[in-house]
């Protein structure tokens, strides 16, 4: 599969990119190189290989799922533009 210049212009338009005519040809080459690499990856035999999220096997560390009040109301609200009684004050957005 290869990308022609019309397709490059269409992709740029869909991505809301403004390309000059001088940028179209180099981008066409880059996109074709990416597609060639993906085609090469399709030839790799991955039967029997489990999907991985990391190259190192590790177990996720989970914290206890308990409800609490945050225990640091002053620390949480100190950077708020406005707060009152431990709550964030925000402008009214619905009439």
PDB file of N, CA and C in Angstrom:
ATOM      1  N   UNK A   1       0.843  -1.176   0.000  1.00  0.00           N
ATOM      2  CA  UNK A   1       0.000   0.000   0.000  1.00  0.00           C
ATOM      3  C   UNK A   1       0.886   1.237   0.000  1.00  0.00           C
ATOM      4  N   UNK A   2       0.532   2.195  -0.805  1.00  0.00           N
ATOM      5  CA  UNK A   2       1.275   3.446  -0.799  1.00  0.00           C
ATOM      6  C   UNK A   2       0.296   4.610  -0.838  1.00  0.00           C
ATOM      7  N   UNK A   3       0.769   5.752  -0.397  1.00  0.00           N
ATOM      8  CA  UNK A   3      -0.040   6.951  -0.301  1.00  0.00           C
ATOM      9  C   UNK A   3       0.358   7.897  -1.425  1.00  0.00           C
ATOM     10  N   UNK A   4      -0.628   8.420  -2.133  1.00  0.00           N
ATOM     11  CA  UNK A   4      -0.306   9.406  -3.164  1.00  0.00           C
ATOM     12  C   UNK A   4      -0.456  10.817  -2.593  1.00  0.00           C
ATOM     13  N   UNK A   5      -0.106  11.820  -3.393  1.00  0.00           N
ATOM     14  CA  UNK A   5      -0.109  13.191  -2.894  1.00  0.00           C
ATOM     15  C   UNK A   5      -1.517  13.688  -2.574  1.00  0.00           C
ATOM     16  N   UNK A   6      -2.507  13.225  -3.309  1.00  0.00           N
ATOM     17  CA  UNK A   6      -3.885  13.623  -3.009  1.00  0.00           C
ATOM     18  C   UNK A   6      -4.313  13.096  -1.637  1.00  0.00           C
ATOM     19  N   UNK A   7      -3.891  11.888  -1.319  1.00  0.00           N
ATOM     20  CA  UNK A   7      -4.220  11.319  -0.010  1.00  0.00           C
ATOM     21  C   UNK A   7      -3.510  12.070   1.103  1.00  0.00           C
ATOM     22  N   UNK A   8      -2.270  12.478   0.860  1.00  0.00           N
ATOM     23  CA  UNK A   8      -1.538  13.268   1.857  1.00  0.00           C
ATOM     24  C   UNK A   8      -2.276  14.574   2.126  1.00  0.00           C
ATOM     25  N   UNK A   9      -2.726  15.230   1.076  1.00  0.00           N
ATOM     26  CA  UNK A   9      -3.473  16.487   1.257  1.00  0.00           C
ATOM     27  C   UNK A   9      -4.777  16.247   2.017  1.00  0.00           C
ATOM     28  N   UNK A  10      -5.449  15.141   1.723  1.00  0.00           N
ATOM     29  CA  UNK A  10      -6.708  14.827   2.419  1.00  0.00           C
ATOM     30  C   UNK A  10      -6.460  14.542   3.895  1.00  0.00           C
ATOM     31  N   UNK A  11      -5.408  13.772   4.196  1.00  0.00           N
ATOM     32  CA  UNK A  11      -5.065  13.486   5.597  1.00  0.00           C
ATOM     33  C   UNK A  11      -4.742  14.779   6.329  1.00  0.00           C
ATOM     34  N   UNK A  12      -3.985  15.654   5.677  1.00  0.00           N
ATOM     35  CA  UNK A  12      -3.635  16.938   6.300  1.00  0.00           C
ATOM     36  C   UNK A  12      -4.887  17.770   6.563  1.00  0.00           C
ATOM     37  N   UNK A  13      -5.813  17.768   5.620  1.00  0.00           N
ATOM     38  CA  UNK A  13      -7.058  18.523   5.808  1.00  0.00           C
ATOM     39  C   UNK A  13      -7.871  17.950   6.962  1.00  0.00           C
ATOM     40  N   UNK A  14      -7.961  16.614   7.041  1.00  0.00           N
ATOM     41  CA  UNK A  14      -8.703  15.982   8.133  1.00  0.00           C
ATOM     42  C   UNK A  14      -8.048  16.238   9.488  1.00  0.00           C
ATOM     43  N   UNK A  15      -6.720  16.351   9.490  1.00  0.00           N
ATOM     44  CA  UNK A  15      -5.991  16.614  10.734  1.00  0.00           C
ATOM     45  C   UNK A  15      -5.889  18.102  11.029  1.00  0.00           C
ATOM     46  N   UNK A  16      -6.512  18.919  10.175  1.00  0.00           N
ATOM     47  CA  UNK A  16      -6.492  20.372  10.330  1.00  0.00           C
ATOM     48  C   UNK A  16      -5.068  20.923  10.296  1.00  0.00           C
ATOM     49  N   UNK A  17      -4.248  20.365   9.393  1.00  0.00           N
ATOM     50  CA  UNK A  17      -2.876  20.831   9.199  1.00  0.00           C
ATOM     51  C   UNK A  17      -2.815  21.626   7.913  1.00  0.00           C
ATOM     52  N   UNK A  18      -2.084  22.720   7.942  1.00  0.00           N
ATOM     53  CA  UNK A  18      -1.896  23.468   6.700  1.00  0.00           C
ATOM     54  C   UNK A  18      -0.532  23.087   6.134  1.00  0.00           C
ATOM     55  N   UNK A  19      -0.554  22.528   4.943  1.00  0.00           N
ATOM     56  CA  UNK A  19       0.679  22.093   4.289  1.00  0.00           C
ATOM     57  C   UNK A  19       0.923  22.926   3.051  1.00  0.00           C
ATOM     58  N   UNK A  20       2.159  23.330   2.867  1.00  0.00           N
ATOM     59  CA  UNK A  20       2.514  23.962   1.603  1.00  0.00           C
ATOM     60  C   UNK A  20       2.796  22.860   0.591  1.00  0.00           C
ATOM     61  N   UNK A  21       2.839  23.204  -0.669  1.00  0.00           N
ATOM     62  CA  UNK A  21       3.117  22.216  -1.713  1.00  0.00           C
ATOM     63  C   UNK A  21       4.495  21.589  -1.528  1.00  0.00           C
ATOM     64  N   UNK A  22       5.435  22.345  -0.962  1.00  0.00           N
ATOM     65  CA  UNK A  22       6.778  21.812  -0.735  1.00  0.00           C
ATOM     66  C   UNK A  22       6.790  20.748   0.361  1.00  0.00           C
ATOM     67  N   UNK A  23       5.797  20.780   1.258  1.00  0.00           N
ATOM     68  CA  UNK A  23       5.746  19.819   2.364  1.00  0.00           C
ATOM     69  C   UNK A  23       5.073  18.508   1.973  1.00  0.00           C
ATOM     70  N   UNK A  24       4.333  18.491   0.881  1.00  0.00           N
ATOM     71  CA  UNK A  24       3.538  17.313   0.519  1.00  0.00           C
ATOM     72  C   UNK A  24       4.425  16.127   0.152  1.00  0.00           C
ATOM     73  N   UNK A  25       5.417  16.340  -0.691  1.00  0.00           N
ATOM     74  CA  UNK A  25       6.264  15.227  -1.151  1.00  0.00           C
ATOM     75  C   UNK A  25       7.054  14.590  -0.010  1.00  0.00           C
ATOM     76  N   UNK A  26       7.725  15.377   0.871  1.00  0.00           N
ATOM     77  CA  UNK A  26       8.424  14.724   1.984  1.00  0.00           C
ATOM     78  C   UNK A  26       7.485  13.957   2.915  1.00  0.00           C
ATOM     79  N   UNK A  27       6.310  14.526   3.152  1.00  0.00           N
ATOM     80  CA  UNK A  27       5.344  13.849   4.026  1.00  0.00           C
ATOM     81  C   UNK A  27       4.836  12.571   3.374  1.00  0.00           C
ATOM     82  N   UNK A  28       4.687  12.575   2.066  1.00  0.00           N
ATOM     83  CA  UNK A  28       4.287  11.372   1.347  1.00  0.00           C
ATOM     84  C   UNK A  28       5.326  10.271   1.552  1.00  0.00           C
ATOM     85  N   UNK A  29       6.601  10.623   1.464  1.00  0.00           N
ATOM     86  CA  UNK A  29       7.658   9.636   1.695  1.00  0.00           C
ATOM     87  C   UNK A  29       7.642   9.092   3.113  1.00  0.00           C
ATOM     88  N   UNK A  30       7.419   9.969   4.092  1.00  0.00           N
ATOM     89  CA  UNK A  30       7.374   9.527   5.491  1.00  0.00           C
ATOM     90  C   UNK A  30       6.196   8.591   5.740  1.00  0.00           C
ATOM     91  N   UNK A  31       5.029   8.938   5.212  1.00  0.00           N
ATOM     92  CA  UNK A  31       3.858   8.080   5.401  1.00  0.00           C
ATOM     93  C   UNK A  31       4.050   6.727   4.726  1.00  0.00           C
ATOM     94  N   UNK A  32       4.641   6.722   3.543  1.00  0.00           N
ATOM     95  CA  UNK A  32       4.900   5.449   2.864  1.00  0.00           C
ATOM     96  C   UNK A  32       5.907   4.602   3.635  1.00  0.00           C
ATOM     97  N   UNK A  33       6.910   5.231   4.253  1.00  0.00           N
ATOM     98  CA  UNK A  33       7.876   4.486   5.069  1.00  0.00           C
ATOM     99  C   UNK A  33       7.194   3.875   6.286  1.00  0.00           C
ATOM    100  N   UNK A  34       6.276   4.609   6.906  1.00  0.00           N
ATOM    101  CA  UNK A  34       5.538   4.085   8.064  1.00  0.00           C
ATOM    102  C   UNK A  34       4.693   2.888   7.646  1.00  0.00           C
ATOM    103  N   UNK A  35       3.993   3.014   6.510  1.00  0.00           N
ATOM    104  CA  UNK A  35       3.153   1.909   6.039  1.00  0.00           C
ATOM    105  C   UNK A  35       3.987   0.688   5.669  1.00  0.00           C
ATOM    106  N   UNK A  36       5.172   0.913   5.114  1.00  0.00           N
ATOM    107  CA  UNK A  36       6.063  -0.199   4.779  1.00  0.00           C
ATOM    108  C   UNK A  36       6.509  -0.922   6.048  1.00  0.00           C
ATOM    109  N   UNK A  37       6.798  -0.161   7.104  1.00  0.00           N
ATOM    110  CA  UNK A  37       7.192  -0.755   8.380  1.00  0.00           C
ATOM    111  C   UNK A  37       6.050  -1.573   8.973  1.00  0.00           C
ATOM    112  N   UNK A  38       4.830  -1.053   8.905  1.00  0.00           N
ATOM    113  CA  UNK A  38       3.669  -1.778   9.430  1.00  0.00           C
ATOM    114  C   UNK A  38       3.459  -3.068   8.646  1.00  0.00           C
ATOM    115  N   UNK A  39       3.636  -3.021   7.331  1.00  0.00           N
ATOM    116  CA  UNK A  39       3.518  -4.230   6.530  1.00  0.00           C
ATOM    117  C   UNK A  39       4.570  -5.257   6.922  1.00  0.00           C
ATOM    118  N   UNK A  40       5.773  -4.800   7.267  1.00  0.00           N
ATOM    119  CA  UNK A  40       6.818  -5.721   7.718  1.00  0.00           C
ATOM    120  C   UNK A  40       6.438  -6.351   9.059  1.00  0.00           C
ATOM    121  N   UNK A  41       5.791  -5.586   9.928  1.00  0.00           N
ATOM    122  CA  UNK A  41       5.357  -6.130  11.215  1.00  0.00           C
ATOM    123  C   UNK A  41       4.283  -7.191  11.047  1.00  0.00           C
ATOM    124  N   UNK A  42       3.460  -7.067  10.010  1.00  0.00           N
ATOM    125  CA  UNK A  42       2.408  -8.049   9.782  1.00  0.00           C
ATOM    126  C   UNK A  42       2.967  -9.429   9.460  1.00  0.00           C
ATOM    127  N   UNK A  43       4.197  -9.504   8.996  1.00  0.00           N
ATOM    128  CA  UNK A  43       4.780 -10.800   8.634  1.00  0.00           C
ATOM    129  C   UNK A  43       5.347 -11.540   9.848  1.00  0.00           C
ATOM    130  N   UNK A  44       5.390 -10.905  11.007  1.00  0.00           N
ATOM    131  CA  UNK A  44       5.937 -11.540  12.212  1.00  0.00           C
ATOM    132  C   UNK A  44       4.924 -12.532  12.762  1.00  0.00           C
ATOM    133  N   UNK A  45       5.372 -13.752  13.072  1.00  0.00           N
ATOM    134  CA  UNK A  45       4.505 -14.785  13.622  1.00  0.00           C
ATOM    135  C   UNK A  45       4.368 -14.580  15.126  1.00  0.00           C
ATOM    136  N   UNK A  46       3.170 -14.268  15.580  1.00  0.00           N
ATOM    137  CA  UNK A  46       2.924 -14.028  16.999  1.00  0.00           C
ATOM    138  C   UNK A  46       1.961 -15.051  17.594  1.00  0.00           C
ATOM    139  N   UNK A  47       1.770 -16.172  16.917  1.00  0.00           N
ATOM    140  CA  UNK A  47       0.882 -17.211  17.444  1.00  0.00           C
ATOM    141  C   UNK A  47       1.431 -17.749  18.757  1.00  0.00           C
ATOM    142  N   UNK A  48       0.574 -17.828  19.748  1.00  0.00           N
ATOM    143  CA  UNK A  48       0.952 -18.377  21.045  1.00  0.00           C
ATOM    144  C   UNK A  48       1.647 -17.384  21.961  1.00  0.00           C
ATOM    145  N   UNK A  49       1.802 -16.163  21.552  1.00  0.00           N
ATOM    146  CA  UNK A  49       2.454 -15.150  22.398  1.00  0.00           C
ATOM    147  C   UNK A  49       1.372 -14.331  23.083  1.00  0.00           C
ATOM    148  N   UNK A  50       1.444 -14.266  24.397  1.00  0.00           N
ATOM    149  CA  UNK A  50       0.464 -13.512  25.168  1.00  0.00           C
ATOM    150  C   UNK A  50       0.741 -12.013  25.055  1.00  0.00           C
ATOM    151  N   UNK A  51      -0.303 -11.193  24.985  1.00  0.00           N
ATOM    152  CA  UNK A  51      -0.106  -9.743  24.971  1.00  0.00           C
ATOM    153  C   UNK A  51       0.548  -9.270  26.260  1.00  0.00           C
ATOM    154  N   UNK A  52       1.402  -8.264  26.160  1.00  0.00           N
ATOM    155  CA  UNK A  52       2.115  -7.743  27.331  1.00  0.00           C
ATOM    156  C   UNK A  52       1.814  -6.261  27.498  1.00  0.00           C
ATOM    157  N   UNK A  53       1.856  -5.801  28.736  1.00  0.00           N
ATOM    158  CA  UNK A  53       1.761  -4.377  29.010  1.00  0.00           C
ATOM    159  C   UNK A  53       3.123  -3.807  29.354  1.00  0.00           C
ATOM    160  N   UNK A  54       4.089  -4.680  29.611  1.00  0.00           N
ATOM    161  CA  UNK A  54       5.433  -4.248  29.959  1.00  0.00           C
ATOM    162  C   UNK A  54       6.407  -5.351  29.576  1.00  0.00           C
ATOM    163  N   UNK A  55       7.668  -4.989  29.367  1.00  0.00           N
ATOM    164  CA  UNK A  55       8.653  -6.014  29.041  1.00  0.00           C
ATOM    165  C   UNK A  55       9.086  -6.778  30.278  1.00  0.00           C
ATOM    166  N   UNK A  56       8.856  -6.201  31.441  1.00  0.00           N
ATOM    167  CA  UNK A  56       9.183  -6.856  32.707  1.00  0.00           C
ATOM    168  C   UNK A  56       7.891  -7.335  33.357  1.00  0.00           C
ATOM    169  N   UNK A  57       7.789  -8.616  33.695  1.00  0.00           N
ATOM    170  CA  UNK A  57       6.565  -9.070  34.361  1.00  0.00           C
ATOM    171  C   UNK A  57       6.472  -8.457  35.755  1.00  0.00           C
ATOM    172  N   UNK A  58       5.363  -7.805  36.036  1.00  0.00           N
ATOM    173  CA  UNK A  58       5.184  -7.206  37.349  1.00  0.00           C
ATOM    174  C   UNK A  58       3.713  -7.208  37.716  1.00  0.00           C
ATOM    175  N   UNK A  59       3.475  -7.209  38.990  1.00  0.00           N
ATOM    176  CA  UNK A  59       2.122  -7.184  39.506  1.00  0.00           C
ATOM    177  C   UNK A  59       1.788  -5.750  39.889  1.00  0.00           C
ATOM    178  N   UNK A  60       0.577  -5.322  39.555  1.00  0.00           N
ATOM    179  CA  UNK A  60       0.170  -3.973  39.898  1.00  0.00           C
ATOM    180  C   UNK A  60      -0.007  -3.829  41.399  1.00  0.00           C
ATOM    181  N   UNK A  61       0.514  -2.723  41.908  1.00  0.00           N
ATOM    182  CA  UNK A  61       0.308  -2.432  43.315  1.00  0.00           C
ATOM    183  C   UNK A  61      -1.009  -1.699  43.468  1.00  0.00           C
ATOM    184  N   UNK A  62      -1.910  -2.261  44.257  1.00  0.00           N
ATOM    185  CA  UNK A  62      -3.215  -1.665  44.448  1.00  0.00           C
ATOM    186  C   UNK A  62      -3.353  -1.158  45.862  1.00  0.00           C
ATOM    187  N   UNK A  63      -4.016  -0.031  46.004  1.00  0.00           N
ATOM    188  CA  UNK A  63      -4.299   0.479  47.343  1.00  0.00           C
ATOM    189  C   UNK A  63      -5.681   0.013  47.758  1.00  0.00           C
ATOM    190  N   UNK A  64      -5.929   0.044  49.043  1.00  0.00           N
ATOM    191  CA  UNK A  64      -7.237  -0.363  49.545  1.00  0.00           C
ATOM    192  C   UNK A  64      -8.294   0.614  49.051  1.00  0.00           C
ATOM    193  N   UNK A  65      -9.428   0.108  48.641  1.00  0.00           N
ATOM    194  CA  UNK A  65     -10.515   0.930  48.136  1.00  0.00           C
ATOM    195  C   UNK A  65     -11.419   1.308  49.300  1.00  0.00           C
ATOM    196  N   UNK A  66     -11.042   2.349  50.011  1.00  0.00           N
ATOM    197  CA  UNK A  66     -11.809   2.787  51.171  1.00  0.00           C
ATOM    198  C   UNK A  66     -12.224   4.239  50.977  1.00  0.00           C
ATOM    199  N   UNK A  67     -13.369   4.578  51.530  1.00  0.00           N
ATOM    200  CA  UNK A  67     -13.866   5.946  51.459  1.00  0.00           C
ATOM    201  C   UNK A  67     -13.260   6.730  52.617  1.00  0.00           C
ATOM    202  N   UNK A  68     -12.719   7.912  52.292  1.00  0.00           N
ATOM    203  CA  UNK A  68     -12.219   8.782  53.349  1.00  0.00           C
ATOM    204  C   UNK A  68     -12.478  10.230  52.948  1.00  0.00           C
ATOM    205  N   UNK A  69     -12.230  11.131  53.856  1.00  0.00           N
ATOM    206  CA  UNK A  69     -12.513  12.542  53.582  1.00  0.00           C
ATOM    207  C   UNK A  69     -11.302  13.284  53.015  1.00  0.00           C
ATOM    208  N   UNK A  70     -10.253  12.594  52.699  1.00  0.00           N
ATOM    209  CA  UNK A  70      -9.062  13.234  52.160  1.00  0.00           C
ATOM    210  C   UNK A  70      -8.108  13.681  53.239  1.00  0.00           C
ATOM    211  N   UNK A  71      -8.607  13.926  54.421  1.00  0.00           N
ATOM    212  CA  UNK A  71      -7.827  14.250  55.612  1.00  0.00           C
ATOM    213  C   UNK A  71      -6.893  15.430  55.443  1.00  0.00           C
ATOM    214  N   UNK A  72      -7.031  16.180  54.357  1.00  0.00           N
ATOM    215  CA  UNK A  72      -6.157  17.330  54.158  1.00  0.00           C
ATOM    216  C   UNK A  72      -6.927  18.400  53.402  1.00  0.00           C
ATOM    217  N   UNK A  73      -8.030  18.862  53.969  1.00  0.00           N
ATOM    218  CA  UNK A  73      -8.886  19.821  53.307  1.00  0.00           C
ATOM    219  C   UNK A  73      -8.137  21.117  53.026  1.00  0.00           C
ATOM    220  N   UNK A  74      -7.369  21.597  53.982  1.00  0.00           N
ATOM    221  CA  UNK A  74      -6.630  22.851  53.789  1.00  0.00           C
ATOM    222  C   UNK A  74      -5.609  22.713  52.656  1.00  0.00           C
ATOM    223  N   UNK A  75      -4.936  21.588  52.579  1.00  0.00           N
ATOM    224  CA  UNK A  75      -3.952  21.373  51.519  1.00  0.00           C
ATOM    225  C   UNK A  75      -4.586  21.257  50.149  1.00  0.00           C
ATOM    226  N   UNK A  76      -5.782  20.658  50.106  1.00  0.00           N
ATOM    227  CA  UNK A  76      -6.460  20.472  48.831  1.00  0.00           C
ATOM    228  C   UNK A  76      -7.005  21.802  48.308  1.00  0.00           C
ATOM    229  N   UNK A  77      -7.532  22.621  49.189  1.00  0.00           N
ATOM    230  CA  UNK A  77      -8.174  23.868  48.751  1.00  0.00           C
ATOM    231  C   UNK A  77      -7.248  25.076  48.767  1.00  0.00           C
ATOM    232  N   UNK A  78      -6.002  24.917  49.191  1.00  0.00           N
ATOM    233  CA  UNK A  78      -5.127  26.100  49.308  1.00  0.00           C
ATOM    234  C   UNK A  78      -4.788  26.725  47.955  1.00  0.00           C
ATOM    235  N   UNK A  79      -4.776  25.961  46.879  1.00  0.00           N
ATOM    236  CA  UNK A  79      -4.469  26.505  45.562  1.00  0.00           C
ATOM    237  C   UNK A  79      -5.712  26.896  44.771  1.00  0.00           C
ATOM    238  N   UNK A  80      -6.881  26.734  45.366  1.00  0.00           N
ATOM    239  CA  UNK A  80      -8.116  27.093  44.672  1.00  0.00           C
ATOM    240  C   UNK A  80      -8.220  28.617  44.597  1.00  0.00           C
ATOM    241  N   UNK A  81      -8.721  29.151  43.478  1.00  0.00           N
ATOM    242  CA  UNK A  81      -8.904  30.602  43.392  1.00  0.00           C
ATOM    243  C   UNK A  81      -9.834  31.114  44.490  1.00  0.00           C
ATOM    244  N   UNK A  82     -10.896  30.344  44.777  1.00  0.00           N
ATOM    245  CA  UNK A  82     -11.816  30.706  45.852  1.00  0.00           C
ATOM    246  C   UNK A  82     -12.314  29.434  46.524  1.00  0.00           C
ATOM    247  N   UNK A  83     -12.387  29.477  47.842  1.00  0.00           N
ATOM    248  CA  UNK A  83     -12.947  28.350  48.583  1.00  0.00           C
ATOM    249  C   UNK A  83     -13.669  28.879  49.807  1.00  0.00           C
ATOM    250  N   UNK A  84     -14.585  28.072  50.310  1.00  0.00           N
ATOM    251  CA  UNK A  84     -15.348  28.463  51.491  1.00  0.00           C
ATOM    252  C   UNK A  84     -15.770  27.208  52.236  1.00  0.00           C
ATOM    253  N   UNK A  85     -15.470  27.142  53.511  1.00  0.00           N
ATOM    254  CA  UNK A  85     -15.833  26.011  54.367  1.00  0.00           C
ATOM    255  C   UNK A  85     -15.317  24.686  53.815  1.00  0.00           C
ATOM    256  N   UNK A  86     -14.136  24.669  53.207  1.00  0.00           N
ATOM    257  CA  UNK A  86     -13.541  23.445  52.699  1.00  0.00           C
ATOM    258  C   UNK A  86     -14.065  23.025  51.337  1.00  0.00           C
ATOM    259  N   UNK A  87     -14.804  23.887  50.656  1.00  0.00           N
ATOM    260  CA  UNK A  87     -15.335  23.576  49.330  1.00  0.00           C
ATOM    261  C   UNK A  87     -14.801  24.576  48.307  1.00  0.00           C
ATOM    262  N   UNK A  88     -14.683  24.127  47.079  1.00  0.00           N
ATOM    263  CA  UNK A  88     -14.294  25.013  45.974  1.00  0.00           C
ATOM    264  C   UNK A  88     -15.485  25.885  45.608  1.00  0.00           C
ATOM    265  N   UNK A  89     -15.236  27.158  45.380  1.00  0.00           N
ATOM    266  CA  UNK A  89     -16.263  28.050  44.874  1.00  0.00           C
ATOM    267  C   UNK A  89     -16.029  28.231  43.372  1.00  0.00           C
ATOM    268  N   UNK A  90     -17.079  27.987  42.595  1.00  0.00           N
ATOM    269  CA  UNK A  90     -16.961  28.115  41.144  1.00  0.00           C
ATOM    270  C   UNK A  90     -18.077  29.018  40.649  1.00  0.00           C
ATOM    271  N   UNK A  91     -17.866  29.695  39.514  1.00  0.00           N
ATOM    272  CA  UNK A  91     -18.941  30.551  38.995  1.00  0.00           C
ATOM    273  C   UNK A  91     -20.129  29.727  38.531  1.00  0.00           C
ATOM    274  N   UNK A  92     -21.277  30.316  38.634  1.00  0.00           N
ATOM    275  CA  UNK A  92     -22.513  29.661  38.204  1.00  0.00           C
ATOM    276  C   UNK A  92     -22.502  29.600  36.671  1.00  0.00           C
ATOM    277  N   UNK A  93     -22.751  28.416  36.119  1.00  0.00           N
ATOM    278  CA  UNK A  93     -22.711  28.263  34.667  1.00  0.00           C
ATOM    279  C   UNK A  93     -24.072  27.901  34.081  1.00  0.00           C
ATOM    280  N   UNK A  94     -25.027  27.583  34.922  1.00  0.00           N
ATOM    281  CA  UNK A  94     -26.367  27.221  34.452  1.00  0.00           C
ATOM    282  C   UNK A  94     -27.364  28.160  35.091  1.00  0.00           C
ATOM    283  N   UNK A  95     -28.213  28.735  34.293  1.00  0.00           N
ATOM    284  CA  UNK A  95     -29.252  29.653  34.818  1.00  0.00           C
ATOM    285  C   UNK A  95     -30.459  28.891  35.275  1.00  0.00           C
TER     286      UNK A  95
END
